[in-house]
Protein backbone atom coordinates (compact mmCIF):
# COMPACT_ATOMS: atom_id res chain seq x y z
CA MET A 1 62.34 49.82 -20.36
CA LYS A 2 63.55 50.01 -16.92
CA THR A 3 61.33 48.48 -14.54
CA ASP A 4 60.59 45.23 -12.79
CA LYS A 5 57.56 44.83 -13.65
CA LEU A 6 57.19 41.60 -15.73
CA LEU A 7 54.33 42.40 -17.93
CA LEU A 8 55.60 45.59 -18.95
CA ARG A 9 59.09 43.51 -19.47
CA ALA A 10 57.13 41.34 -21.43
CA LEU A 11 55.55 44.03 -23.62
CA SER A 12 58.80 45.86 -24.05
CA GLY A 13 59.70 42.67 -26.22
CA GLU A 14 61.76 40.94 -23.56
CA THR A 15 61.74 37.31 -23.62
CA LEU A 16 61.45 36.04 -19.84
CA PRO A 17 62.34 32.49 -18.29
CA ILE A 18 58.67 32.70 -16.68
CA PRO A 19 55.79 34.59 -18.70
CA PRO A 20 53.58 36.76 -16.97
CA VAL A 21 49.92 35.87 -16.25
CA TRP A 22 46.81 37.59 -15.88
CA LEU A 23 43.29 36.15 -16.90
CA MET A 24 40.27 37.91 -18.77
CA ARG A 25 37.78 38.59 -16.41
CA GLN A 26 39.75 37.49 -13.61
CA ALA A 27 37.30 39.57 -11.15
CA GLY A 28 34.40 37.24 -11.81
CA ARG A 29 31.47 35.09 -10.82
CA TYR A 30 33.66 32.40 -10.32
CA LEU A 31 35.05 33.50 -7.01
CA PRO A 32 32.71 33.47 -4.11
CA GLU A 33 34.34 36.84 -2.39
CA TYR A 34 33.20 38.39 -6.01
CA ARG A 35 29.51 37.00 -5.51
CA ALA A 36 29.27 38.31 -2.38
CA THR A 37 30.41 42.01 -3.25
CA ARG A 38 28.04 42.04 -6.07
CA ALA A 39 25.19 41.28 -3.94
CA LYS A 40 26.30 44.11 -1.55
CA ALA A 41 26.56 46.35 -4.26
CA GLY A 42 23.29 45.61 -5.87
CA SER A 43 22.97 45.18 -9.52
CA PHE A 44 26.28 44.76 -11.73
CA LEU A 45 26.04 48.41 -13.01
CA ASP A 46 26.02 49.78 -9.62
CA LEU A 47 29.17 47.71 -8.79
CA CYS A 48 30.88 49.14 -11.93
CA TYR A 49 30.18 52.73 -10.59
CA ASN A 50 30.89 52.56 -7.07
CA PRO A 51 34.79 52.86 -6.84
CA GLU A 52 35.13 51.45 -3.34
CA LEU A 53 33.55 48.10 -4.32
CA ALA A 54 35.16 48.05 -7.64
CA ILE A 55 38.71 48.29 -6.53
CA GLU A 56 37.65 45.71 -4.00
CA VAL A 57 36.62 43.25 -6.87
CA THR A 58 39.80 43.95 -8.85
CA MET A 59 41.97 43.50 -5.76
CA GLN A 60 40.28 39.97 -4.86
CA PRO A 61 42.03 37.91 -7.58
CA MET A 62 45.07 39.73 -6.92
CA ARG A 63 44.80 38.64 -3.20
CA ARG A 64 44.18 35.06 -4.04
CA TYR A 65 46.56 34.55 -7.02
CA GLY A 66 49.61 37.42 -7.23
CA PHE A 67 48.92 37.79 -10.79
CA ASP A 68 51.22 39.87 -12.62
CA ALA A 69 48.36 42.43 -13.81
CA ALA A 70 45.21 43.88 -12.86
CA ILE A 71 42.68 44.95 -15.07
CA LEU A 72 40.11 47.73 -14.16
CA PHE A 73 36.81 46.39 -13.06
CA ALA A 74 34.02 48.01 -15.87
CA ASP A 75 32.09 47.24 -18.63
CA ILE A 76 32.68 47.83 -22.60
CA LEU A 77 28.98 49.51 -22.55
CA LEU A 78 29.29 52.02 -20.09
CA VAL A 79 30.88 53.99 -23.24
CA PRO A 80 27.38 54.05 -24.84
CA GLN A 81 25.33 54.53 -21.53
CA ALA A 82 27.76 57.85 -21.18
CA LEU A 83 26.80 58.92 -24.69
CA GLY A 84 23.00 58.49 -23.72
CA ALA A 85 22.22 55.15 -24.21
CA ASN A 86 19.74 53.32 -22.02
CA LEU A 87 21.65 50.21 -20.42
CA THR A 88 20.45 47.63 -18.23
CA PHE A 89 21.89 44.23 -17.50
CA VAL A 90 19.29 41.18 -17.33
CA GLN A 91 20.10 38.21 -14.93
CA GLY A 92 21.58 35.41 -17.02
CA GLU A 93 20.67 37.04 -20.48
CA GLY A 94 23.46 40.04 -20.47
CA PRO A 95 23.03 43.63 -21.58
CA ARG A 96 20.03 45.39 -23.11
CA LEU A 97 20.49 48.99 -24.51
CA SER A 98 18.16 51.15 -26.60
CA THR A 99 19.00 50.67 -30.08
CA ILE A 100 20.84 52.84 -32.88
CA THR A 101 18.87 51.84 -36.13
CA ASN A 102 18.66 55.43 -38.12
CA ALA A 103 19.57 58.99 -38.17
CA GLU A 104 16.85 59.94 -35.67
CA ASP A 105 18.14 57.29 -33.22
CA LEU A 106 21.78 58.65 -33.64
CA ALA A 107 20.89 62.29 -33.08
CA LYS A 108 19.47 61.68 -29.85
CA LEU A 109 23.14 60.53 -28.52
CA GLY A 110 25.10 62.90 -26.41
CA SER A 111 27.95 64.94 -26.93
CA VAL A 112 31.45 63.02 -26.86
CA ASP A 113 32.61 66.01 -24.75
CA ASP A 114 30.02 65.44 -22.31
CA ILE A 115 30.50 61.43 -21.44
CA HIS A 116 33.41 62.07 -18.54
CA ALA A 117 30.78 63.34 -15.93
CA THR A 118 29.17 59.77 -16.19
CA LEU A 119 32.50 58.14 -16.48
CA SER A 120 34.21 59.89 -13.64
CA PRO A 121 33.62 57.12 -10.90
CA ILE A 122 35.75 54.80 -13.44
CA TYR A 123 38.50 57.33 -13.08
CA GLU A 124 38.26 57.46 -9.72
CA THR A 125 38.59 53.70 -9.43
CA VAL A 126 41.78 53.38 -11.68
CA ARG A 127 43.62 56.53 -9.25
CA GLY A 128 42.43 54.19 -6.56
CA LEU A 129 44.06 50.98 -8.23
CA ALA A 130 47.06 52.82 -8.81
CA GLU A 131 47.81 53.64 -5.26
CA THR A 132 46.50 49.98 -3.84
CA LEU A 133 48.30 47.71 -6.07
CA PRO A 134 51.53 46.23 -5.26
CA PRO A 135 54.61 47.98 -6.97
CA GLU A 136 55.31 44.68 -8.84
CA THR A 137 51.79 44.60 -10.40
CA THR A 138 50.75 46.33 -13.94
CA LEU A 139 47.42 48.14 -14.17
CA ILE A 140 45.57 47.54 -16.98
CA GLY A 141 42.77 50.01 -18.58
CA PHE A 142 40.44 48.97 -21.27
CA ALA A 143 37.46 49.83 -23.72
CA GLY A 144 35.61 48.14 -26.12
CA ALA A 145 36.94 48.53 -29.82
CA PRO A 146 34.61 50.57 -31.87
CA TRP A 147 33.34 47.62 -34.07
CA THR A 148 32.24 45.78 -31.07
CA VAL A 149 30.43 48.59 -29.04
CA ALA A 150 28.61 49.36 -32.30
CA THR A 151 27.15 45.88 -32.68
CA TYR A 152 25.42 46.12 -29.11
CA MET A 153 24.16 49.50 -30.17
CA VAL A 154 22.71 48.84 -32.97
CA ALA A 155 21.17 45.27 -32.31
CA GLY A 156 20.14 46.33 -28.19
CA ARG A 157 21.99 43.29 -27.36
CA GLY A 158 24.85 40.57 -28.36
CA THR A 159 23.70 38.89 -31.04
CA PRO A 160 25.70 35.29 -32.73
CA ASP A 161 26.78 37.01 -35.94
CA GLN A 162 26.01 40.62 -35.40
CA ALA A 163 23.86 40.66 -38.59
CA PRO A 164 21.75 43.64 -37.15
CA ALA A 165 25.01 45.95 -37.50
CA ARG A 166 26.17 44.22 -40.71
CA ASP A 167 22.43 44.95 -42.17
CA LEU A 168 23.30 49.17 -41.38
CA ILE A 169 26.32 48.78 -42.82
CA ALA A 170 24.87 47.37 -45.80
CA ARG A 171 21.42 49.60 -45.94
CA GLN A 172 22.65 52.85 -44.34
CA PRO A 173 26.22 52.92 -44.10
CA GLU A 174 26.08 56.71 -43.59
CA VAL A 175 24.35 56.27 -40.08
CA PHE A 176 26.77 53.33 -39.04
CA ASP A 177 29.68 55.30 -40.07
CA ALA A 178 28.24 58.23 -38.08
CA LEU A 179 27.83 56.05 -34.96
CA MET A 180 31.10 54.68 -35.09
CA GLU A 181 32.99 58.04 -35.53
CA LYS A 182 31.27 58.98 -32.21
CA ILE A 183 32.16 55.70 -30.55
CA THR A 184 35.89 55.99 -31.90
CA ALA A 185 36.05 59.69 -30.63
CA ALA A 186 34.35 58.91 -27.21
CA THR A 187 36.53 55.93 -26.68
CA ILE A 188 39.98 57.92 -27.30
CA GLY A 189 38.73 60.55 -24.61
CA TYR A 190 37.56 57.72 -21.78
CA LEU A 191 40.89 55.89 -22.22
CA GLU A 192 43.22 59.21 -22.23
CA LYS A 193 41.56 59.93 -19.02
CA GLN A 194 42.37 56.11 -17.74
CA VAL A 195 45.93 56.86 -18.26
CA GLU A 196 45.94 60.11 -17.02
CA ALA A 197 44.67 58.68 -13.64
CA GLY A 198 47.22 55.69 -13.58
CA ALA A 199 46.45 52.89 -16.30
CA GLU A 200 49.57 51.79 -17.32
CA VAL A 201 48.63 49.44 -20.21
CA ILE A 202 45.70 49.81 -22.35
CA LYS A 203 43.39 46.65 -24.07
CA LEU A 204 41.09 47.17 -26.95
CA PHE A 205 38.70 44.12 -26.83
CA ASP A 206 37.31 43.73 -30.53
CA SER A 207 35.23 40.58 -29.35
CA TRP A 208 33.22 40.47 -32.62
CA ALA A 209 36.09 41.13 -35.01
CA GLY A 210 35.29 37.81 -36.34
CA THR A 211 32.17 38.59 -37.61
CA LEU A 212 33.19 41.10 -40.41
CA ASN A 213 34.13 40.22 -44.01
CA TRP A 214 37.79 40.87 -45.03
CA GLU A 215 36.67 44.32 -46.51
CA ASP A 216 34.60 45.46 -43.72
CA PHE A 217 37.16 44.11 -41.18
CA ALA A 218 39.85 46.57 -42.54
CA LYS A 219 37.27 49.24 -42.14
CA TYR A 220 35.48 48.66 -39.13
CA SER A 221 37.86 47.01 -36.91
CA ILE A 222 41.63 47.88 -38.16
CA ALA A 223 41.02 51.38 -39.31
CA PRO A 224 39.50 52.65 -35.58
CA THR A 225 42.00 50.58 -33.87
CA LYS A 226 44.84 52.48 -35.42
CA ARG A 227 42.86 56.00 -35.01
CA ILE A 228 42.77 55.30 -31.14
CA VAL A 229 46.40 53.79 -31.10
CA ASP A 230 47.72 56.97 -32.66
CA ALA A 231 45.78 59.08 -30.42
CA LEU A 232 47.08 57.66 -27.35
CA HIS A 233 50.80 57.21 -28.66
CA ALA A 234 50.83 60.87 -29.57
CA ARG A 235 50.48 61.72 -25.87
CA TRP A 236 52.37 58.70 -24.54
CA PRO A 237 54.65 57.33 -27.28
CA ASN A 238 55.89 54.28 -25.13
CA LEU A 239 52.20 53.63 -23.71
CA PRO A 240 51.87 49.47 -24.41
CA ILE A 241 48.50 48.87 -25.94
CA ILE A 242 47.25 45.31 -26.48
CA GLY A 243 44.68 44.62 -29.26
CA PHE A 244 42.63 41.83 -29.17
CA PRO A 245 40.68 40.99 -32.64
CA ARG A 246 39.03 37.75 -31.56
CA GLY A 247 38.03 35.61 -34.27
CA ALA A 248 40.03 37.68 -36.84
CA GLY A 249 41.67 34.29 -38.40
CA THR A 250 44.20 35.43 -41.23
CA GLY A 251 43.34 39.10 -40.29
CA TYR A 252 45.51 39.01 -37.50
CA GLU A 253 48.95 40.07 -39.46
CA ALA A 254 47.21 42.85 -41.09
CA TYR A 255 45.74 44.21 -37.83
CA ILE A 256 49.38 43.83 -36.40
CA ALA A 257 50.92 45.43 -39.50
CA GLN A 258 48.62 48.55 -39.62
CA THR A 259 47.11 49.41 -36.28
CA GLY A 260 50.49 50.11 -34.17
CA ILE A 261 49.75 47.78 -30.98
CA THR A 262 52.32 46.69 -29.12
CA ALA A 263 51.06 43.31 -28.31
CA VAL A 264 48.11 40.93 -29.75
CA ALA A 265 45.79 38.74 -27.74
CA LEU A 266 44.98 35.74 -29.37
CA GLY A 267 41.85 33.70 -29.15
CA SER A 268 41.36 30.19 -28.38
CA THR A 269 41.12 29.04 -31.98
CA VAL A 270 44.67 30.77 -32.75
CA SER A 271 47.25 27.96 -33.18
CA PRO A 272 50.25 28.83 -31.14
CA HIS A 273 52.45 27.83 -33.57
CA PHE A 274 51.07 30.04 -36.16
CA ALA A 275 51.58 32.98 -33.39
CA LYS A 276 55.17 31.73 -32.69
CA GLU A 277 55.83 31.84 -36.17
CA ARG A 278 53.81 34.52 -37.77
CA LEU A 279 53.26 36.63 -35.11
CA GLN A 280 55.88 36.80 -32.37
CA PRO A 281 58.62 37.70 -34.30
CA LYS A 282 57.00 41.08 -34.53
CA LEU A 283 55.13 41.51 -31.23
CA CYS A 284 54.63 40.24 -27.68
CA VAL A 285 51.72 37.88 -28.18
CA GLN A 286 49.32 37.02 -25.48
CA GLY A 287 46.79 34.04 -24.82
CA ASN A 288 45.61 31.66 -25.29
CA LEU A 289 44.24 28.89 -23.11
CA ASP A 290 40.88 27.87 -23.84
CA PRO A 291 38.52 28.66 -20.50
CA LEU A 292 37.18 25.46 -20.78
CA PHE A 293 40.12 23.99 -19.18
CA MET A 294 39.38 26.22 -16.00
CA VAL A 295 36.17 24.12 -15.88
CA VAL A 296 37.75 20.80 -16.69
CA GLY A 297 40.90 20.99 -14.60
CA GLY A 298 43.37 18.05 -13.84
CA ASP A 299 45.97 16.65 -16.52
CA PRO A 300 43.75 18.10 -19.45
CA LEU A 301 44.45 21.69 -17.82
CA VAL A 302 48.15 20.73 -17.24
CA ARG A 303 48.94 19.50 -20.59
CA ALA A 304 47.07 22.41 -22.49
CA THR A 305 48.86 24.76 -20.50
CA GLN A 306 52.27 23.15 -20.79
CA ARG A 307 51.85 23.16 -24.25
CA ILE A 308 50.92 26.92 -24.96
CA VAL A 309 54.08 27.78 -22.96
CA GLU A 310 56.47 25.32 -24.32
CA ILE A 311 55.85 26.50 -28.06
CA LEU A 312 55.63 30.26 -26.90
CA LYS A 313 58.40 30.47 -24.38
CA ASP A 314 61.00 31.57 -26.53
CA GLY A 315 59.64 34.84 -27.46
CA PRO A 316 57.90 37.77 -25.94
CA PHE A 317 54.60 36.18 -24.28
CA ILE A 318 52.18 37.23 -21.63
CA PHE A 319 50.08 33.87 -20.39
CA ASN A 320 46.22 34.37 -20.65
CA LEU A 321 43.03 32.80 -21.59
CA GLY A 322 41.64 32.77 -25.38
CA HIS A 323 38.38 34.53 -23.98
CA GLY A 324 37.26 35.56 -20.40
CA ILE A 325 37.27 32.97 -17.58
CA THR A 326 33.80 31.64 -17.34
CA PRO A 327 31.14 31.72 -14.05
CA ASP A 328 31.59 27.78 -13.87
CA ALA A 329 35.43 27.61 -13.51
CA ASP A 330 37.04 26.32 -10.68
CA PRO A 331 38.86 28.47 -8.54
CA LYS A 332 41.13 25.82 -7.51
CA ASN A 333 42.30 25.36 -11.05
CA VAL A 334 43.39 28.74 -11.32
CA ASP A 335 45.94 27.48 -8.67
CA LEU A 336 46.79 24.56 -10.81
CA MET A 337 47.29 26.65 -13.91
CA LEU A 338 49.65 28.83 -12.01
CA LYS A 339 51.74 26.12 -10.36
CA THR A 340 52.01 24.40 -13.60
CA ILE A 341 53.23 27.89 -15.53
CA ARG A 342 55.58 29.00 -12.10
CA GLY A 343 56.78 25.62 -10.71
């Protein structure tokens, strides 16, 4: 891949002397400028659907830190909303959705072909970012993986172990499978529109993959991810796709082997030594600093950052967190992390 973009070079398998860096949720509440823009927008959803303001908050961490990639500002639950689910965000508690618990609920959802009218502001944001970002910066589009999105649609909110979704699988597998089919088809269409608008990399967030047993992990995490990857690669064979099956444990190897992803993002619990020995020989790895260190800062942050870089420096590698940066992180600690990585 002939490019000066460090992130794309790492994703193509190149080992770089200094790894490219970006952070999950790098546009977020830890930044005072983000909080000011969100207050101007009104609600979180108003911010997501306002291309001008969504571009602004995406660019804020780029101006501060000069990350090697910007990720579209949106939310994984916009797809179920576009399918007809009622979606709100409760301050301090997170999302609330109307639930899918039986065939009648499922039948109330709209057509996959009709989602783009609702999501058109997101595509406008991608187009604006593609025109705004510096030429050395990579633009990442994303979606929630079908399993993770389905867990919210069944429970109506996040739950510790996603028991409502797993219960629906056991009691009404035909309903759950039909829901997964609809989400998967909608996600393919959503991501295709992002790439058409200018996204250079796609990331799939399967944040609740770790709640699945091994058999269901193959069916509900690996299989739909492979279907999405295959559909995107049928149109764009060289499109880099980062998969994030958080909490998958030993399932990471099967996920890599069977999905066709270009790179794998590692949760904070994955040993960098395991990643170096078992995963990095196969593809680019991304991760995986514990977000807690962005709160703690100081020498613990420096040492933890140095350890990860030292272990993974000899293969294709993107530095990131093991999950999203938290609202209580200190922006100064991001500067310290970058200084530690880049010198």
